[in-house]
């Protein structure tokens, strides 16, 4: 008698289903969009930060310039207050490149003719030559 061998009982494990390729592509697209968003956010933040910094430097430079001009203005006011007579003022003005006023200044007034206002006239198709000639001779 021939006895059949018993087959060993193998516990069947459930097969792991592989994710479809579509899910993988969708995941990559979502990751790419997220990465692009983060990159653009970082670039915009850096741009705004650099712009604000440049404005801050410009404001500081202008404040220094304003202070320097105020000091110069105060010094000129003190110099003007210290000058007593007009001869000294004239001498300082000439040394700074200003010109001395002359006594023989002549003013000439010319009466200019008033400009004529041209009124647009409606032209008839038959009188174009006449309208053209009247415009030329009225000038």
Protein backbone atom coordinates (compact mmCIF):
# COMPACT_ATOMS: atom_id res chain seq x y z
CA UNK A 1 0.00 0.00 0.00
CA UNK A 2 1.19 3.29 -0.96
CA UNK A 3 0.54 6.11 1.30
CA UNK A 4 0.52 9.61 0.04
CA UNK A 5 2.65 12.05 1.76
CA UNK A 6 0.88 14.75 3.50
CA UNK A 7 1.58 18.16 2.20
CA UNK A 8 2.92 20.46 4.81
CA UNK A 9 0.42 23.13 5.71
CA UNK A 10 1.82 26.52 4.89
CA UNK A 11 -0.02 29.36 6.43
CA UNK A 12 -0.87 31.63 3.63
CA UNK A 13 0.11 35.18 4.20
CA UNK A 14 -1.90 37.80 2.46
CA UNK A 15 -0.10 39.18 -0.52
CA UNK A 16 0.98 42.79 -0.19
CA UNK A 17 -0.66 44.80 -2.85
CA UNK A 18 1.64 47.23 -4.58
CA UNK A 19 0.39 50.75 -4.88
CA UNK A 20 -0.65 51.57 -8.35
CA UNK A 21 1.68 53.77 -10.37
CA UNK A 22 -0.95 56.52 -10.50
CA UNK A 23 -0.70 57.09 -6.76
CA UNK A 24 3.07 57.39 -7.02
CA UNK A 25 2.83 60.02 -9.76
CA UNK A 26 0.19 61.94 -7.81
CA UNK A 27 2.42 61.90 -4.72
CA UNK A 28 5.38 63.21 -6.73
CA UNK A 29 3.26 66.03 -8.15
CA UNK A 30 2.07 67.05 -4.70
CA UNK A 31 5.64 66.97 -3.40
CA UNK A 32 6.86 69.07 -6.37
CA UNK A 33 4.12 71.69 -5.88
CA UNK A 34 4.84 71.88 -2.15
CA UNK A 35 8.57 72.26 -2.75
CA UNK A 36 7.97 74.97 -5.35
CA UNK A 37 5.65 76.82 -2.96
CA UNK A 38 8.23 76.73 -0.17
CA UNK A 39 10.98 77.89 -2.54
CA UNK A 40 8.94 80.82 -3.85
CA UNK A 41 7.93 81.77 -0.30
CA UNK A 42 11.58 81.86 0.71
CA UNK A 43 12.56 83.95 -2.30
CA UNK A 44 9.76 86.45 -1.66
CA UNK A 45 10.69 86.69 2.03
CA UNK A 46 14.34 87.33 1.14
CA UNK A 47 13.35 89.97 -1.43
CA UNK A 48 11.13 91.83 1.02
CA UNK A 49 13.80 91.65 3.71
CA UNK A 50 16.47 93.04 1.36
CA UNK A 51 14.13 95.83 0.19
CA UNK A 52 13.35 96.84 3.75
CA UNK A 53 17.04 96.83 4.64
CA UNK A 54 17.88 99.05 1.67
CA UNK A 55 15.12 101.46 2.67
CA UNK A 56 16.50 101.55 6.19
CA UNK A 57 19.97 102.42 4.90
CA UNK A 58 18.52 105.10 2.63
CA UNK A 59 16.56 106.64 5.52
CA UNK A 60 19.65 106.67 7.74
CA UNK A 61 21.73 108.30 4.99
CA UNK A 62 19.10 110.99 4.42
CA UNK A 63 18.83 111.70 8.16
CA UNK A 64 22.62 112.19 8.32
CA UNK A 65 22.45 114.51 5.32
CA UNK A 66 19.62 116.52 6.91
CA UNK A 67 21.60 116.89 10.15
CA UNK A 68 24.70 118.01 8.24
CA UNK A 69 22.65 120.59 6.30
CA UNK A 70 21.06 121.87 9.53
CA UNK A 71 24.50 122.35 11.06
CA UNK A 72 25.70 124.15 7.92
CA UNK A 73 22.56 126.33 7.93
CA UNK A 74 23.13 127.27 11.59
CA UNK A 75 26.75 128.14 10.84
CA UNK A 76 25.68 130.40 7.96
CA UNK A 77 23.08 132.09 10.16
CA UNK A 78 25.74 132.78 12.77
CA UNK A 79 28.06 134.17 10.08
CA UNK A 80 25.30 136.46 8.80
CA UNK A 81 24.59 137.66 12.33
CA UNK A 82 28.26 138.45 12.86
CA UNK A 83 28.53 140.63 9.76
CA UNK A 84 27.72 144.23 10.59
CA UNK A 85 27.85 146.31 7.44
CA UNK A 86 26.96 145.79 3.80
CA UNK A 87 30.56 146.20 2.55
CA UNK A 88 31.60 143.03 4.35
CA UNK A 89 28.58 141.18 2.95
CA UNK A 90 29.48 142.35 -0.56
CA UNK A 91 33.09 141.24 -0.09
CA UNK A 92 32.04 137.75 1.06
CA UNK A 93 29.53 137.44 -1.79
CA UNK A 94 32.18 138.35 -4.36
CA UNK A 95 34.59 135.83 -2.85
CA UNK A 96 31.94 133.10 -3.24
CA UNK A 97 31.49 133.81 -6.95
CA UNK A 98 28.49 136.11 -6.92
CA UNK A 99 28.45 139.16 -9.16
CA UNK A 100 28.30 142.77 -8.14
CA UNK A 101 25.23 144.66 -9.26
CA UNK A 102 25.91 147.52 -11.67
CA UNK A 103 24.28 150.91 -11.47
CA UNK A 104 23.62 151.29 -15.18
CA UNK A 105 20.96 148.61 -15.59
CA UNK A 106 18.52 149.38 -18.38
CA UNK A 107 15.13 147.73 -18.50
CA UNK A 108 13.40 147.39 -21.84
CA UNK A 109 9.71 146.65 -22.13
CA UNK A 110 8.31 145.33 -25.37
CA UNK A 111 4.64 145.17 -26.16
CA UNK A 112 4.02 141.83 -27.74
CA UNK A 113 1.06 141.47 -30.09
CA UNK A 114 -1.76 139.41 -28.76
CA UNK A 115 -2.21 136.01 -30.24
CA UNK A 116 -5.24 135.56 -32.44
CA UNK A 117 -7.49 132.76 -31.47
CA UNK A 118 -8.43 130.63 -34.39
CA UNK A 119 -11.96 129.37 -34.31
CA UNK A 120 -12.49 126.12 -36.12
CA UNK A 121 -14.91 126.65 -38.93
CA UNK A 122 -16.97 124.00 -40.54
CA UNK A 123 -15.84 123.45 -44.08
CA UNK A 124 -18.17 122.61 -46.85
CA UNK A 125 -16.91 120.13 -49.40
CA UNK A 126 -17.21 122.64 -52.26
CA UNK A 127 -15.39 125.49 -50.49
CA UNK A 128 -12.18 123.76 -49.38
CA UNK A 129 -9.97 125.97 -51.52
CA UNK A 130 -11.58 129.12 -50.16
CA UNK A 131 -11.30 127.88 -46.57
CA UNK A 132 -7.62 127.01 -47.11
CA UNK A 133 -6.85 130.43 -48.58
CA UNK A 134 -8.65 132.26 -45.78
CA UNK A 135 -6.70 130.30 -43.16
CA UNK A 136 -3.41 131.11 -44.88
CA UNK A 137 -4.08 134.83 -45.22
CA UNK A 138 -5.57 135.26 -41.74
CA UNK A 139 -2.36 134.23 -40.08
